[in-house]
């Protein structure tokens, strides 16, 4: 079936700015469109056989723009990579490319403060959900249109972003797969069916229903007031990588100031790495060794900080109350500098 997609009317707000971009190191082509005051940014993650130039994707993007959402359409693969059909269904590869794009968007002056929603279709929905699980601080909402979330089944319990699954009620096989995937999601979630629609929503009015459902979801979950506080922090981070991603999101406004990120081994380095990656900043490491009290090694009385001129930082109150001698501190400083040298080697 061939469907003619009707463009938004002349009264619809036009994008304030549209530009074509290339995202390195893969050379991914994209189109970024920004209304004058965008509520958020919707990133399209298309499925097999589609592209950033798809008439269906372009139509949906223009509808989102008319509702004051910025949009980003891009190709997950290069033309050469698309020749290998295995790449089109490699969800981990596609999710990795999407993570690269999310990192790039977080460093751009006109997008770094915008809360991001992912709009995925077919296999692109699986990539979107996998990337959402990998970037919990960056992705604030996910919408799947006729998607295959079952292809991301292992990642689904890790997704924190509120997720809407939209399926045509005549797309029976995909509907069953989405119902199973919905049970695996542990975040805010919903399954919406479009009456009379098949897989591509080509029936009259069906794609417009998808746009309205998706826009309502994004309206509810994407807010610009304070991007660091649009979703509450988890009580416990899944790991240091997730902690670093949340911290990077909170610090994103400093990307333009050419920062340098410093990590403290061991636990601070994976956190610092995520911040440096998101801000496109150089990462440095400062080697520090704790000086423990003579009567209780786990009680820190100070630390030795490596550098051209090593520095000793002491908790003067503990040193004074415990009557710790200068000789002990000097001996510990020598030992800790030896340990730092061994670690560097």
Protein backbone atom coordinates (compact mmCIF):
# COMPACT_ATOMS: atom_id res chain seq x y z
CA UNK A 1 0.00 0.00 0.00
CA UNK A 2 1.30 3.46 -0.87
CA UNK A 3 0.39 6.27 1.47
CA UNK A 4 0.69 10.00 0.76
CA UNK A 5 1.73 11.76 3.95
CA UNK A 6 0.16 15.15 4.37
CA UNK A 7 2.59 17.87 5.46
CA UNK A 8 1.79 20.06 8.49
CA UNK A 9 -0.32 23.06 7.57
CA UNK A 10 1.09 26.49 6.85
CA UNK A 11 -0.07 27.58 10.31
CA UNK A 12 2.21 25.02 11.96
CA UNK A 13 5.38 26.45 13.54
CA UNK A 14 8.33 25.97 11.20
CA UNK A 15 11.69 24.79 12.52
CA UNK A 16 13.85 27.70 13.61
CA UNK A 17 16.99 25.98 12.39
CA UNK A 18 17.80 22.82 10.43
CA UNK A 19 21.29 21.60 9.71
CA UNK A 20 22.93 18.51 8.30
CA UNK A 21 25.71 16.98 10.37
CA UNK A 22 28.27 14.20 10.20
CA UNK A 23 29.12 12.38 13.42
CA UNK A 24 32.59 10.96 13.73
CA UNK A 25 34.36 8.61 13.95
CA UNK A 26 31.89 6.58 11.89
CA UNK A 27 30.78 9.30 9.48
CA UNK A 28 27.10 8.99 10.41
CA UNK A 29 24.89 11.43 8.49
CA UNK A 30 22.11 13.25 10.35
CA UNK A 31 19.59 16.08 10.16
CA UNK A 32 18.98 18.20 13.25
CA UNK A 33 15.88 20.43 13.34
CA UNK A 34 15.28 22.89 16.18
CA UNK A 35 12.10 24.91 16.77
CA UNK A 36 12.54 28.30 18.37
CA UNK A 37 11.84 27.05 21.92
CA UNK A 38 12.05 23.25 21.90
CA UNK A 39 10.47 21.30 24.74
CA UNK A 40 12.89 18.45 24.22
CA UNK A 41 14.75 16.49 21.58
CA UNK A 42 13.32 13.39 19.87
CA UNK A 43 15.99 11.15 18.36
CA UNK A 44 14.74 8.82 15.62
CA UNK A 45 16.12 5.27 15.57
CA UNK A 46 14.87 3.70 12.37
CA UNK A 47 14.56 0.04 11.53
CA UNK A 48 15.83 -2.12 8.71
CA UNK A 49 15.26 -0.80 5.21
CA UNK A 50 14.77 2.80 6.35
CA UNK A 51 16.97 5.88 6.60
CA UNK A 52 17.10 9.47 7.78
CA UNK A 53 15.51 10.44 4.42
CA UNK A 54 12.50 8.13 4.75
CA UNK A 55 9.27 10.00 3.83
CA UNK A 56 7.53 8.35 6.80
CA UNK A 57 10.22 9.45 9.26
CA UNK A 58 10.36 12.94 7.75
CA UNK A 59 6.60 13.30 8.06
CA UNK A 60 6.59 12.18 11.70
CA UNK A 61 9.55 14.47 12.47
CA UNK A 62 7.71 17.46 10.99
CA UNK A 63 4.68 16.63 13.10
CA UNK A 64 6.86 16.57 16.23
CA UNK A 65 8.44 19.88 15.21
CA UNK A 66 4.96 21.40 14.87
CA UNK A 67 4.46 20.43 18.52
CA UNK A 68 7.70 22.26 19.49
CA UNK A 69 9.99 19.24 19.75
CA UNK A 70 13.45 19.31 18.23
CA UNK A 71 14.17 16.22 16.11
CA UNK A 72 17.27 14.38 15.02
CA UNK A 73 17.15 11.87 12.17
CA UNK A 74 20.35 9.98 11.41
CA UNK A 75 21.65 6.85 9.77
CA UNK A 76 22.90 4.19 12.17
CA UNK A 77 25.13 2.63 9.51
CA UNK A 78 27.22 3.90 6.60
CA UNK A 79 26.20 2.99 3.06
CA UNK A 80 28.99 0.40 2.93
CA UNK A 81 27.93 -1.16 6.25
CA UNK A 82 24.32 -1.44 5.09
CA UNK A 83 25.42 -3.78 2.30
CA UNK A 84 26.00 -6.43 4.97
CA UNK A 85 22.47 -7.40 6.07
CA UNK A 86 23.81 -8.85 9.32
CA UNK A 87 24.67 -5.32 10.45
CA UNK A 88 21.05 -4.22 10.05
CA UNK A 89 19.97 -6.75 12.67
CA UNK A 90 22.98 -6.41 14.99
CA UNK A 91 21.23 -4.71 17.91
CA UNK A 92 24.42 -4.27 19.96
CA UNK A 93 26.13 -2.57 17.01
CA UNK A 94 23.15 -0.27 16.43
CA UNK A 95 22.84 0.56 20.13
CA UNK A 96 26.54 1.41 20.25
CA UNK A 97 26.12 3.81 17.34
CA UNK A 98 23.15 5.39 19.08
CA UNK A 99 25.21 5.84 22.26
CA UNK A 100 27.84 7.64 20.17
CA UNK A 101 25.14 9.95 18.84
CA UNK A 102 23.79 10.63 22.33
CA UNK A 103 27.28 11.54 23.51
CA UNK A 104 27.68 13.90 20.53
CA UNK A 105 24.32 15.58 21.22
CA UNK A 106 25.29 16.12 24.86
CA UNK A 107 28.27 18.21 23.67
CA UNK A 108 26.45 20.48 21.23
CA UNK A 109 25.57 23.97 22.46
CA UNK A 110 22.07 23.86 20.98
CA UNK A 111 21.13 20.39 22.27
CA UNK A 112 23.09 19.74 25.47
CA UNK A 113 20.37 21.19 27.71
CA UNK A 114 17.48 19.39 25.98
CA UNK A 115 15.97 16.29 27.61
CA UNK A 116 16.12 13.44 25.12
CA UNK A 117 13.46 10.97 24.03
CA UNK A 118 14.07 8.06 21.66
CA UNK A 119 11.57 7.17 18.94
CA UNK A 120 12.39 3.71 17.62
CA UNK A 121 10.82 1.56 14.92
CA UNK A 122 11.24 -2.12 14.10
CA UNK A 123 14.82 -3.23 14.99
CA UNK A 124 15.59 0.39 15.83
CA UNK A 125 13.29 0.09 18.84
CA UNK A 126 15.48 -2.71 20.21
CA UNK A 127 18.56 -0.52 19.70
CA UNK A 128 16.78 2.40 21.40
CA UNK A 129 15.89 0.32 24.47
CA UNK A 130 19.40 -1.13 24.70
CA UNK A 131 20.92 2.35 24.49
CA UNK A 132 18.42 3.62 27.07
CA UNK A 133 19.61 0.90 29.45
CA UNK A 134 23.23 1.86 28.76
CA UNK A 135 22.60 5.63 29.12
CA UNK A 136 20.06 6.00 31.94
CA UNK A 137 21.01 9.58 32.75
CA UNK A 138 20.72 10.72 29.13
CA UNK A 139 17.54 9.07 27.87
CA UNK A 140 14.40 10.41 29.53
CA UNK A 141 11.70 8.59 27.56
CA UNK A 142 11.35 5.90 24.88
CA UNK A 143 8.59 5.31 22.34
CA UNK A 144 8.53 2.21 20.15
CA UNK A 145 6.47 2.26 16.91
CA UNK A 146 5.78 -1.23 15.62
CA UNK A 147 9.05 -2.16 17.27
CA UNK A 148 10.81 -5.37 18.17
CA UNK A 149 11.64 -4.84 21.86
CA UNK A 150 11.95 -8.61 22.18
CA UNK A 151 15.32 -8.30 20.39
CA UNK A 152 16.55 -6.36 23.45
CA UNK A 153 15.07 -8.79 25.96
CA UNK A 154 18.18 -8.92 28.20
CA UNK A 155 18.36 -5.13 28.45
CA UNK A 156 14.69 -4.52 29.22
CA UNK A 157 14.89 -4.93 33.03
CA UNK A 158 17.71 -2.33 33.07
CA UNK A 159 15.73 0.38 31.25
CA UNK A 160 14.88 3.28 33.57
CA UNK A 161 13.29 5.63 31.03
CA UNK A 162 9.46 5.56 30.86
CA UNK A 163 8.61 3.46 27.81
CA UNK A 164 5.58 3.45 25.51
CA UNK A 165 5.08 0.57 23.07
CA UNK A 166 2.75 1.37 20.14
CA UNK A 167 1.52 -1.49 17.95
CA UNK A 168 -1.20 -1.87 15.34
CA UNK A 169 -3.97 -4.18 16.55
CA UNK A 170 -3.82 -6.05 13.21
CA UNK A 171 -0.06 -6.62 13.56
CA UNK A 172 -0.74 -9.81 15.49
CA UNK A 173 2.75 -11.36 15.73
CA UNK A 174 4.48 -8.11 16.71
CA UNK A 175 1.70 -7.34 19.18
CA UNK A 176 2.31 -10.66 20.95
CA UNK A 177 6.06 -9.95 21.09
CA UNK A 178 5.41 -6.49 22.55
CA UNK A 179 3.12 -7.91 25.23
CA UNK A 180 5.90 -10.27 26.30
CA UNK A 181 8.45 -7.43 26.29
CA UNK A 182 6.12 -5.25 28.36
CA UNK A 183 6.22 -7.85 31.13
CA UNK A 184 10.03 -7.66 31.16
CA UNK A 185 10.17 -3.88 31.56
CA UNK A 186 10.48 -2.72 35.18
CA UNK A 187 10.10 1.01 34.57
CA UNK A 188 6.98 3.12 33.96
CA UNK A 189 5.48 1.48 30.88
CA UNK A 190 2.43 1.28 28.66
CA UNK A 191 1.27 -0.66 25.61
CA UNK A 192 -0.99 1.27 23.22
CA UNK A 193 -2.70 -0.28 20.20
CA UNK A 194 -3.89 1.59 17.13
CA UNK A 195 -7.21 0.24 15.86
CA UNK A 196 -7.15 -1.06 12.29
CA UNK A 197 -3.39 -0.61 11.86
CA UNK A 198 -0.95 -3.13 10.45
CA UNK A 199 2.83 -3.12 10.91
CA UNK A 200 3.70 0.11 9.06
CA UNK A 201 0.59 2.09 10.13
CA UNK A 202 -0.12 2.84 6.46
CA UNK A 203 -3.89 2.85 6.92
CA UNK A 204 -5.54 6.32 6.76
CA UNK A 205 -5.10 8.28 9.98
CA UNK A 206 -3.13 5.54 11.76
CA UNK A 207 0.28 7.20 11.59
CA UNK A 208 -1.24 10.42 12.92
CA UNK A 209 -2.54 8.45 15.91
CA UNK A 210 1.01 7.20 16.50
CA UNK A 211 2.30 10.79 16.45
CA UNK A 212 -0.34 11.95 18.91
CA UNK A 213 0.33 9.05 21.30
CA UNK A 214 4.09 9.56 21.12
CA UNK A 215 3.87 13.36 21.48
CA UNK A 216 1.68 13.01 24.58
CA UNK A 217 4.21 10.59 26.09
CA UNK A 218 7.10 12.92 25.36
CA UNK A 219 5.14 15.95 26.63
CA UNK A 220 4.68 14.16 29.94
CA UNK A 221 8.25 12.94 30.38
CA UNK A 222 10.52 15.54 28.74
CA UNK A 223 10.91 18.77 30.71
CA UNK A 224 13.45 21.56 30.28
CA UNK A 225 13.22 23.20 33.70
CA UNK A 226 16.23 21.42 35.15
CA UNK A 227 17.62 18.65 33.02
CA UNK A 228 19.54 17.16 35.92
CA UNK A 229 16.33 16.83 37.91
CA UNK A 230 13.86 15.70 35.26
CA UNK A 231 13.94 12.20 36.72
CA UNK A 232 14.80 11.35 40.33
CA UNK A 233 18.13 9.77 41.06
CA UNK A 234 17.97 6.06 41.83
CA UNK A 235 18.40 5.11 45.48
CA UNK A 236 21.37 2.96 44.47
CA UNK A 237 23.29 3.24 41.23
CA UNK A 238 23.59 0.03 39.23
CA UNK A 239 27.37 0.52 38.99
CA UNK A 240 30.00 3.25 38.73
CA UNK A 241 29.30 3.65 35.02
CA UNK A 242 25.69 4.62 35.71
CA UNK A 243 26.81 6.99 38.47
CA UNK A 244 29.21 8.63 36.02
CA UNK A 245 26.46 9.06 33.42
CA UNK A 246 24.19 10.81 35.90
CA UNK A 247 27.05 13.04 37.00
CA UNK A 248 27.92 13.82 33.37
CA UNK A 249 24.34 14.87 32.70
CA UNK A 250 24.42 17.26 35.66
CA UNK A 251 27.72 18.73 34.43
CA UNK A 252 26.82 18.94 30.74
CA UNK A 253 26.53 22.74 30.83
CA UNK A 254 30.32 22.95 31.44
CA UNK A 255 31.22 21.20 28.16
CA UNK A 256 31.76 24.55 26.39
CA UNK A 257 34.33 25.60 29.01
CA UNK A 258 36.96 23.05 27.80
CA UNK A 259 37.15 21.23 31.16
CA UNK A 260 39.66 18.59 32.27
CA UNK A 261 38.27 15.63 34.20
CA UNK A 262 40.35 14.10 36.98
CA UNK A 263 39.70 10.64 38.41
CA UNK A 264 40.97 9.06 41.61
CA UNK A 265 41.82 5.35 41.37
CA UNK A 266 40.33 2.95 41.63
CA UNK A 267 36.62 3.59 41.98
CA UNK A 268 36.71 7.17 40.75
CA UNK A 269 38.20 6.35 37.36
CA UNK A 270 35.17 4.66 35.74
CA UNK A 271 32.99 7.53 37.01
CA UNK A 272 35.42 10.12 35.63
CA UNK A 273 35.65 8.25 32.33
CA UNK A 274 31.90 8.63 31.71
CA UNK A 275 32.07 12.33 32.53
CA UNK A 276 35.06 12.87 30.23
CA UNK A 277 33.38 10.93 27.42
CA UNK A 278 30.15 12.92 27.68
CA UNK A 279 31.91 16.30 27.87
CA UNK A 280 34.48 15.36 25.21
CA UNK A 281 37.13 16.36 27.75
CA UNK A 282 40.63 15.01 28.45
CA UNK A 283 40.85 12.58 31.36
CA UNK A 284 43.69 12.64 33.86
CA UNK A 285 44.37 10.50 36.92
CA UNK A 286 45.76 11.58 40.28
CA UNK A 287 47.35 8.81 42.31
CA UNK A 288 46.54 9.10 46.02
CA UNK A 289 47.36 6.77 48.92
CA UNK A 290 45.74 6.90 52.31
CA UNK A 291 47.76 7.24 55.52
CA UNK A 292 46.13 5.17 58.23
CA UNK A 293 46.42 5.70 61.97
CA UNK A 294 49.06 3.48 63.65
CA UNK A 295 46.45 1.93 65.95
CA UNK A 296 43.78 1.55 63.21
CA UNK A 297 44.96 1.42 59.58
CA UNK A 298 41.42 1.90 58.25
CA UNK A 299 41.14 5.26 60.03
CA UNK A 300 42.53 7.84 57.61
CA UNK A 301 44.63 10.53 59.19
CA UNK A 302 45.65 11.93 55.80
CA UNK A 303 46.81 11.10 52.30
CA UNK A 304 49.82 11.35 50.02
CA UNK A 305 49.07 12.99 46.67
CA UNK A 306 51.35 12.25 43.73
CA UNK A 307 52.76 15.04 41.57
CA UNK A 308 55.95 16.76 40.50
CA UNK A 309 56.11 17.82 44.11
CA UNK A 310 54.29 15.19 46.22
CA UNK A 311 51.92 16.62 48.79
CA UNK A 312 50.80 15.31 52.17
CA UNK A 313 47.34 16.29 53.36
CA UNK A 314 46.58 15.63 57.04
CA UNK A 315 43.55 15.72 59.28
CA UNK A 316 45.17 17.91 61.90
CA UNK A 317 42.47 17.23 64.49
CA UNK A 318 42.95 13.45 64.42
CA UNK A 319 46.75 13.78 64.34
CA UNK A 320 46.67 16.04 67.37
CA UNK A 321 44.18 14.02 69.42
CA UNK A 322 45.87 10.70 68.66
CA UNK A 323 49.29 12.22 69.34
CA UNK A 324 50.74 10.81 66.12
CA UNK A 325 54.41 11.65 65.71
CA UNK A 326 56.05 13.43 62.79
CA UNK A 327 58.40 10.47 62.41
CA UNK A 328 55.44 8.12 61.81
CA UNK A 329 53.94 10.45 59.21
CA UNK A 330 57.28 10.84 57.39
CA UNK A 331 57.79 7.07 57.30
CA UNK A 332 54.24 6.51 55.98
CA UNK A 333 54.78 9.18 53.33
CA UNK A 334 57.88 7.33 52.10
CA UNK A 335 55.98 4.00 51.97
CA UNK A 336 53.02 5.49 50.16
CA UNK A 337 55.22 7.18 47.55
CA UNK A 338 56.87 3.79 46.92
CA UNK A 339 53.41 2.23 46.46
CA UNK A 340 52.42 4.99 44.01
CA UNK A 341 55.62 4.40 42.03
CA UNK A 342 54.84 0.68 41.85
CA UNK A 343 51.30 1.38 40.64
CA UNK A 344 52.62 3.74 37.97
CA UNK A 345 55.04 1.08 36.75
